[in-house]
Amino acid sequence: MADIAAAAAASFEGDGERRFTGVAPLQSAGPEDVSFLDNRRYAQLLKDTKAGAIVLAAPFAAQVPPGAVALVTPQPYLGFARIARLLHPLPEPLPGIHPTAVVAPGAVVGPGTEIGPYVVIGAGARIGAGCIIHAHVTIGPAVEIGDGCRLHPHVSVSHAILGQGVVLHPGARIGQEGFGFAPTPDGRFETMPQLGRVLLGDFVEVGANSCVDRGSQGDTVLGPGTRLDNLVQIGHNVRTGRGCVVVGQAGISGSTTLEDFVTIAAQAGLTGHLRIGTQARVGAQSGVMNDVPAKTDVMGSPSMPVREYWRSIARLRKLGAGRDTEGKAG
């Protein structure tokens, strides 16, 4: 218990030696499980939960049922995430190179790194210490991968430098050619050589089947701690600051910049050469065609400030209701 409370930066009363073995939702947790409450709409579940310990904010501590321990913290979800990682740690690498892997001359594999079956590592690539490179990953020539990275099956990385602790989920594509071409007089297209790289900062995470194109002249850059969901497209020369979040099926066109802590919700599309300010948020399915100032929420297509968007929706509903009334009167 004491270790769990320390991981969550939580206070508690009771036996510090009590043991827990897992985590679970309030509805299904048992006496050896830790659960959490982070949304008041689920507070009614507290009275019937069988959880042995519950991570929650101070206002709900009095509602914890007898026999359960209240782990009180101002950030319950963060605390619960840290407890879950404590009880369910990531697997450690099994150092060594699988006999089916192909490692080109001049490539360097750091100490304690695991290279799985059918991995291909190009000439001059450098892989740091303590990494896990899963089956069927392809790492191109001269790619640099920092310490403690995890590349899941069927990832490909080329023309890229990865910081430490980067996670690439299955099927992620890093460093392929960007979408650049020039039309010719006879109606064909001349592909523009993509001469830049992809730079992934420390602890960047890229979801399954997401694509990050390399830069055309400069580099495509994802700042430290940035997270991409599954099925995200990042165009050439895009740059993000620290801690940005891009949700599934969103796409960012070339040369757009996201400053620090920007959130792009699902299925949003951003045209190229934009600047999205620090802590701005773009709503789901938005079409962004202009710069967004810092700390501004936008929605809609074309996007607009969120209050303006909801006012326009309300006006459309009133207009539709008026037409329905006219039709009935006629």
Protein backbone atom coordinates (compact mmCIF):
# COMPACT_ATOMS: atom_id res chain seq x y z
CA MET A 1 0.00 0.00 0.00
CA ALA A 2 2.73 2.45 0.91
CA ASP A 3 4.46 1.95 -2.45
CA ILE A 4 1.18 2.37 -4.32
CA ALA A 5 0.35 5.56 -2.46
CA ALA A 6 3.82 6.94 -3.15
CA ALA A 7 3.48 6.19 -6.88
CA ALA A 8 0.22 8.16 -6.98
CA ALA A 9 1.44 10.93 -4.68
CA ALA A 10 -1.65 10.11 -2.62
CA SER A 11 -2.42 10.22 1.09
CA PHE A 12 -4.21 7.37 2.86
CA GLU A 13 -5.15 6.05 6.27
CA GLY A 14 -4.72 2.43 7.27
CA ASP A 15 -2.34 -0.49 6.92
CA GLY A 16 0.68 0.50 4.86
CA GLU A 17 1.60 -3.18 4.37
CA ARG A 18 -1.66 -4.19 2.72
CA ARG A 19 -0.99 -5.76 -0.69
CA PHE A 20 -2.68 -5.26 -4.05
CA THR A 21 -2.13 -7.24 -7.23
CA GLY A 22 -4.03 -5.45 -9.99
CA VAL A 23 -6.19 -2.59 -11.21
CA ALA A 24 -9.80 -2.66 -12.41
CA PRO A 25 -12.88 -0.46 -12.94
CA LEU A 26 -15.13 0.22 -9.95
CA GLN A 27 -17.80 -2.17 -11.29
CA SER A 28 -15.52 -5.22 -11.53
CA ALA A 29 -12.72 -4.58 -9.04
CA GLY A 30 -12.12 -7.05 -6.23
CA PRO A 31 -10.52 -6.76 -2.78
CA GLU A 32 -6.98 -7.03 -4.20
CA ASP A 33 -7.58 -4.45 -6.94
CA VAL A 34 -7.02 -0.70 -7.05
CA SER A 35 -9.67 1.36 -8.85
CA PHE A 36 -10.28 5.08 -9.35
CA LEU A 37 -12.91 7.79 -9.61
CA ASP A 38 -12.17 10.80 -11.79
CA ASN A 39 -15.65 11.81 -12.94
CA ARG A 40 -18.47 12.72 -10.57
CA ARG A 41 -21.06 11.08 -12.84
CA TYR A 42 -19.71 7.70 -11.68
CA ALA A 43 -19.73 8.55 -7.97
CA GLN A 44 -22.84 6.41 -7.42
CA LEU A 45 -20.70 3.33 -8.18
CA LEU A 46 -18.68 3.86 -5.02
CA LYS A 47 -21.31 2.45 -2.68
CA ASP A 48 -21.32 -1.00 -4.36
CA THR A 49 -17.70 -1.38 -5.42
CA LYS A 50 -15.64 -4.27 -4.04
CA ALA A 51 -12.33 -2.54 -4.79
CA GLY A 52 -9.72 -2.75 -2.07
CA ALA A 53 -8.44 0.77 -2.74
CA ILE A 54 -9.80 3.70 -4.72
CA VAL A 55 -7.85 6.65 -6.09
CA LEU A 56 -9.99 9.78 -5.90
CA ALA A 57 -10.14 13.45 -5.02
CA ALA A 58 -10.73 14.62 -1.45
CA PRO A 59 -14.45 15.56 -1.86
CA PHE A 60 -15.33 11.90 -2.55
CA ALA A 61 -13.22 10.27 0.17
CA ALA A 62 -16.11 10.07 2.64
CA GLN A 63 -18.11 7.97 0.16
CA VAL A 64 -15.59 5.13 0.04
CA PRO A 65 -17.28 1.96 1.39
CA PRO A 66 -16.11 0.22 4.59
CA GLY A 67 -13.05 -1.95 4.09
CA ALA A 68 -11.75 0.01 1.10
CA VAL A 69 -8.86 2.45 1.32
CA ALA A 70 -9.21 5.97 -0.04
CA LEU A 71 -6.08 7.10 -1.88
CA VAL A 72 -6.59 10.85 -1.98
CA THR A 73 -4.87 12.93 -4.64
CA PRO A 74 -5.78 16.06 -6.62
CA GLN A 75 -5.16 14.18 -9.90
CA PRO A 76 -6.85 10.76 -9.59
CA TYR A 77 -6.45 9.64 -13.20
CA LEU A 78 -2.74 10.46 -13.25
CA GLY A 79 -2.28 8.70 -9.92
CA PHE A 80 -4.16 5.64 -11.16
CA ALA A 81 -2.06 5.52 -14.34
CA ARG A 82 1.12 5.47 -12.27
CA ILE A 83 -0.23 2.74 -10.01
CA ALA A 84 -1.23 0.68 -13.05
CA ARG A 85 2.30 0.97 -14.43
CA LEU A 86 3.77 0.00 -11.05
CA LEU A 87 1.63 -3.15 -10.89
CA HIS A 88 1.93 -3.95 -14.60
CA PRO A 89 5.40 -2.86 -15.70
CA LEU A 90 6.50 -2.99 -19.32
CA PRO A 91 8.50 -6.09 -20.27
CA GLU A 92 12.24 -5.69 -20.10
CA PRO A 93 14.31 -6.28 -23.24
CA LEU A 94 15.85 -9.69 -23.74
CA PRO A 95 19.28 -8.66 -25.00
CA GLY A 96 20.47 -10.20 -28.22
CA ILE A 97 19.97 -10.35 -31.97
CA HIS A 98 17.61 -12.99 -33.35
CA PRO A 99 19.30 -15.26 -35.90
CA THR A 100 16.82 -14.28 -38.63
CA ALA A 101 17.56 -10.56 -38.25
CA VAL A 102 19.71 -8.83 -40.88
CA VAL A 103 22.14 -6.25 -39.52
CA ALA A 104 24.18 -4.45 -42.16
CA PRO A 105 27.90 -3.83 -41.75
CA GLY A 106 28.59 -0.66 -39.83
CA ALA A 107 25.29 -0.69 -37.95
CA VAL A 108 25.62 -0.37 -34.17
CA VAL A 109 23.30 -2.06 -31.67
CA GLY A 110 23.61 -0.74 -28.13
CA PRO A 111 24.04 -2.85 -25.00
CA GLY A 112 20.98 -4.56 -23.57
CA THR A 113 18.93 -4.12 -26.75
CA GLU A 114 16.63 -6.83 -28.10
CA ILE A 115 16.47 -7.33 -31.88
CA GLY A 116 13.55 -9.58 -32.84
CA PRO A 117 12.90 -11.97 -35.74
CA TYR A 118 13.26 -10.73 -39.32
CA VAL A 119 14.33 -7.23 -38.33
CA VAL A 120 16.35 -5.42 -41.01
CA ILE A 121 18.85 -2.76 -39.94
CA GLY A 122 20.58 -0.67 -42.61
CA ALA A 123 24.22 0.30 -42.91
CA GLY A 124 25.38 2.93 -40.46
CA ALA A 125 22.23 2.82 -38.35
CA ARG A 126 22.73 3.32 -34.62
CA ILE A 127 20.38 1.84 -32.03
CA GLY A 128 20.76 2.86 -28.40
CA ALA A 129 20.87 0.85 -25.21
CA GLY A 130 17.91 -1.01 -23.73
CA CYS A 131 15.69 -0.85 -26.82
CA ILE A 132 13.18 -3.46 -27.99
CA ILE A 133 12.93 -3.84 -31.76
CA HIS A 134 10.09 -6.27 -32.46
CA ALA A 135 9.63 -8.63 -35.40
CA HIS A 136 9.65 -7.41 -39.00
CA VAL A 137 10.80 -3.88 -38.20
CA THR A 138 12.81 -2.16 -40.94
CA ILE A 139 15.36 0.48 -39.95
CA GLY A 140 16.98 2.33 -42.82
CA PRO A 141 20.61 3.33 -43.33
CA ALA A 142 22.03 5.97 -40.98
CA VAL A 143 18.90 6.09 -38.82
CA GLU A 144 19.64 6.97 -35.19
CA ILE A 145 17.49 5.56 -32.38
CA GLY A 146 17.96 6.68 -28.78
CA ASP A 147 18.08 4.63 -25.60
CA GLY A 148 15.00 2.82 -24.31
CA CYS A 149 12.93 2.99 -27.51
CA ARG A 150 10.28 0.40 -28.38
CA LEU A 151 9.47 -0.32 -32.01
CA HIS A 152 6.55 -2.69 -32.42
CA PRO A 153 6.05 -5.18 -35.28
CA HIS A 154 6.10 -4.01 -38.91
CA VAL A 155 7.31 -0.49 -38.14
CA SER A 156 9.50 1.17 -40.77
CA VAL A 157 11.91 4.02 -40.03
CA SER A 158 14.07 5.83 -42.58
CA HIS A 159 15.79 9.23 -42.78
CA ALA A 160 15.11 9.79 -39.09
CA ILE A 161 16.59 10.50 -35.68
CA LEU A 162 14.66 9.28 -32.64
CA GLY A 163 15.25 10.54 -29.11
CA GLN A 164 15.13 8.36 -26.03
CA GLY A 165 12.01 6.51 -24.90
CA VAL A 166 10.23 6.79 -28.26
CA VAL A 167 7.41 4.28 -28.86
CA LEU A 168 6.27 3.36 -32.38
CA HIS A 169 3.19 1.14 -32.47
CA PRO A 170 2.59 -1.58 -35.09
CA GLY A 171 2.69 -0.46 -38.68
CA ALA A 172 3.85 3.10 -37.99
CA ARG A 173 5.75 4.65 -40.90
CA ILE A 174 8.43 7.20 -40.13
CA GLY A 175 10.48 9.06 -42.72
CA GLN A 176 8.93 8.04 -46.02
CA GLU A 177 8.68 10.52 -48.90
CA GLY A 178 6.37 13.45 -48.39
CA PHE A 179 3.54 14.30 -50.78
CA GLY A 180 5.37 16.72 -53.03
CA PHE A 181 5.24 17.01 -56.81
CA ALA A 182 5.21 19.59 -59.60
CA PRO A 183 2.77 19.40 -62.53
CA THR A 184 4.30 19.19 -66.00
CA PRO A 185 2.96 20.89 -69.16
CA ASP A 186 1.79 17.54 -70.55
CA GLY A 187 -0.39 16.79 -67.52
CA ARG A 188 1.93 14.50 -65.61
CA PHE A 189 3.64 15.07 -62.26
CA GLU A 190 7.32 15.41 -61.45
CA THR A 191 8.02 14.08 -57.98
CA MET A 192 9.88 16.58 -55.81
CA PRO A 193 12.80 14.90 -54.04
CA GLN A 194 12.24 14.86 -50.29
CA LEU A 195 15.66 15.65 -48.87
CA GLY A 196 14.92 16.25 -45.19
CA ARG A 197 14.53 14.02 -42.17
CA VAL A 198 12.12 13.23 -39.36
CA LEU A 199 13.23 14.22 -35.85
CA LEU A 200 11.26 12.64 -33.01
CA GLY A 201 11.91 14.15 -29.58
CA ASP A 202 12.25 12.22 -26.35
CA PHE A 203 9.21 10.15 -25.33
CA VAL A 204 7.26 10.76 -28.52
CA GLU A 205 4.65 8.06 -29.16
CA VAL A 206 3.24 7.26 -32.61
CA GLY A 207 0.12 5.11 -32.92
CA ALA A 208 -0.52 2.12 -35.15
CA ASN A 209 -0.54 2.75 -38.90
CA SER A 210 0.24 6.44 -38.50
CA CYS A 211 2.58 8.13 -40.97
CA VAL A 212 5.13 10.89 -40.45
CA ASP A 213 6.60 12.09 -43.75
CA ARG A 214 10.16 13.35 -43.89
CA GLY A 215 10.82 16.98 -44.75
CA SER A 216 11.19 18.18 -48.30
CA GLN A 217 14.08 20.59 -47.70
CA GLY A 218 14.14 21.01 -43.92
CA ASP A 219 12.98 18.47 -41.32
CA THR A 220 9.68 17.23 -39.96
CA VAL A 221 9.84 17.57 -36.17
CA LEU A 222 7.68 16.16 -33.38
CA GLY A 223 8.59 17.80 -30.08
CA PRO A 224 9.25 15.95 -26.82
CA GLY A 225 6.30 14.08 -25.36
CA THR A 226 4.06 14.49 -28.40
CA ARG A 227 1.48 11.72 -28.88
CA LEU A 228 -0.08 10.60 -32.15
CA ASP A 229 -3.08 8.28 -32.07
CA ASN A 230 -3.65 5.52 -34.64
CA LEU A 231 -4.20 6.46 -38.30
CA VAL A 232 -2.74 9.97 -38.15
CA GLN A 233 -1.06 11.66 -41.12
CA ILE A 234 1.74 14.18 -40.56
CA GLY A 235 2.88 15.91 -43.75
CA HIS A 236 6.38 17.00 -44.69
CA ASN A 237 7.98 19.87 -42.76
CA VAL A 238 5.31 19.84 -40.04
CA ARG A 239 6.68 20.91 -36.66
CA THR A 240 5.12 20.38 -33.27
CA GLY A 241 6.18 21.73 -29.92
CA ARG A 242 6.16 19.86 -26.64
CA GLY A 243 3.33 17.64 -25.51
CA CYS A 244 1.02 17.93 -28.51
CA VAL A 245 -1.79 15.39 -28.98
CA VAL A 246 -3.18 14.40 -32.39
CA VAL A 247 -6.18 12.05 -32.27
CA GLY A 248 -7.10 9.30 -34.73
CA GLN A 249 -7.75 10.01 -38.41
CA ALA A 250 -6.56 13.60 -38.13
CA GLY A 251 -4.29 14.97 -40.84
CA ILE A 252 -1.85 17.87 -40.82
CA SER A 253 -0.66 19.20 -44.16
CA GLY A 254 2.88 20.21 -44.95
CA SER A 255 4.76 23.04 -43.24
CA THR A 256 2.13 23.63 -40.55
CA THR A 257 3.46 24.39 -37.06
CA LEU A 258 1.85 23.36 -33.79
CA GLU A 259 3.23 25.20 -30.79
CA ASP A 260 3.40 23.58 -27.33
CA PHE A 261 0.53 21.49 -25.89
CA VAL A 262 -1.82 21.75 -28.87
CA THR A 263 -4.66 19.21 -29.15
CA ILE A 264 -6.03 18.13 -32.54
CA ALA A 265 -9.19 16.02 -32.13
CA ALA A 266 -10.33 13.09 -34.27
CA GLN A 267 -10.78 13.50 -38.03
CA ALA A 268 -9.70 17.14 -38.02
CA GLY A 269 -7.88 18.36 -41.11
CA LEU A 270 -5.36 21.21 -41.19
CA THR A 271 -4.21 22.81 -44.42
CA GLY A 272 -0.56 23.64 -44.95
CA HIS A 273 1.60 26.55 -43.81
CA LEU A 274 -0.50 27.33 -40.70
CA ARG A 275 0.52 28.18 -37.14
CA ILE A 276 -1.54 26.76 -34.29
CA GLY A 277 -0.78 28.58 -31.04
CA THR A 278 0.22 27.17 -27.67
CA GLN A 279 -2.57 25.26 -25.88
CA ALA A 280 -5.00 25.75 -28.77
CA ARG A 281 -7.56 22.99 -29.30
CA VAL A 282 -9.10 21.91 -32.59
CA GLY A 283 -12.41 20.07 -32.34
CA ALA A 284 -13.29 16.79 -34.02
CA GLN A 285 -13.94 16.88 -37.78
CA SER A 286 -12.86 20.51 -38.00
CA GLY A 287 -11.41 21.91 -41.20
CA VAL A 288 -8.72 24.43 -40.26
CA MET A 289 -7.74 26.86 -43.01
CA ASN A 290 -6.36 29.78 -40.98
CA ASP A 291 -3.95 30.27 -38.10
CA VAL A 292 -5.33 29.61 -34.62
CA PRO A 293 -4.22 31.91 -31.76
CA ALA A 294 -2.86 30.50 -28.51
CA LYS A 295 -5.36 29.14 -25.97
CA THR A 296 -8.18 29.25 -28.53
CA ASP A 297 -10.70 26.45 -29.14
CA VAL A 298 -12.03 26.08 -32.68
CA MET A 299 -14.61 23.80 -34.30
CA GLY A 300 -16.40 23.37 -37.59
CA SER A 301 -15.49 23.40 -41.25
CA PRO A 302 -14.32 25.97 -41.98
CA SER A 303 -13.23 26.22 -38.36
CA MET A 304 -14.23 29.13 -36.13
CA PRO A 305 -14.01 29.93 -32.41
CA VAL A 306 -16.06 27.37 -30.53
CA ARG A 307 -18.63 29.81 -29.12
CA GLU A 308 -19.23 31.23 -32.57
CA TYR A 309 -19.61 27.69 -33.89
CA TRP A 310 -22.30 26.77 -31.36
CA ARG A 311 -24.12 30.05 -31.99
CA SER A 312 -24.20 29.26 -35.71
CA ILE A 313 -25.55 25.78 -34.98
CA ALA A 314 -28.27 27.30 -32.79
CA ARG A 315 -29.24 29.73 -35.55
CA LEU A 316 -29.45 26.92 -38.09
CA ARG A 317 -31.69 24.93 -35.77
CA LYS A 318 -33.99 27.89 -35.28
CA LEU A 319 -34.11 28.44 -39.03
CA GLY A 320 -35.00 24.82 -39.59
CA ALA A 321 -37.65 24.90 -36.87
CA GLY A 322 -39.20 28.01 -38.46
CA ARG A 323 -39.47 26.30 -41.82
CA ASP A 324 -41.10 23.27 -40.22
CA THR A 325 -43.69 25.56 -38.62
CA GLU A 326 -44.40 27.30 -41.94
CA GLY A 327 -44.87 23.95 -43.64
CA LYS A 328 -47.38 22.77 -41.06
CA ALA A 329 -49.30 26.07 -41.26
CA GLY A 330 -49.57 25.74 -45.03
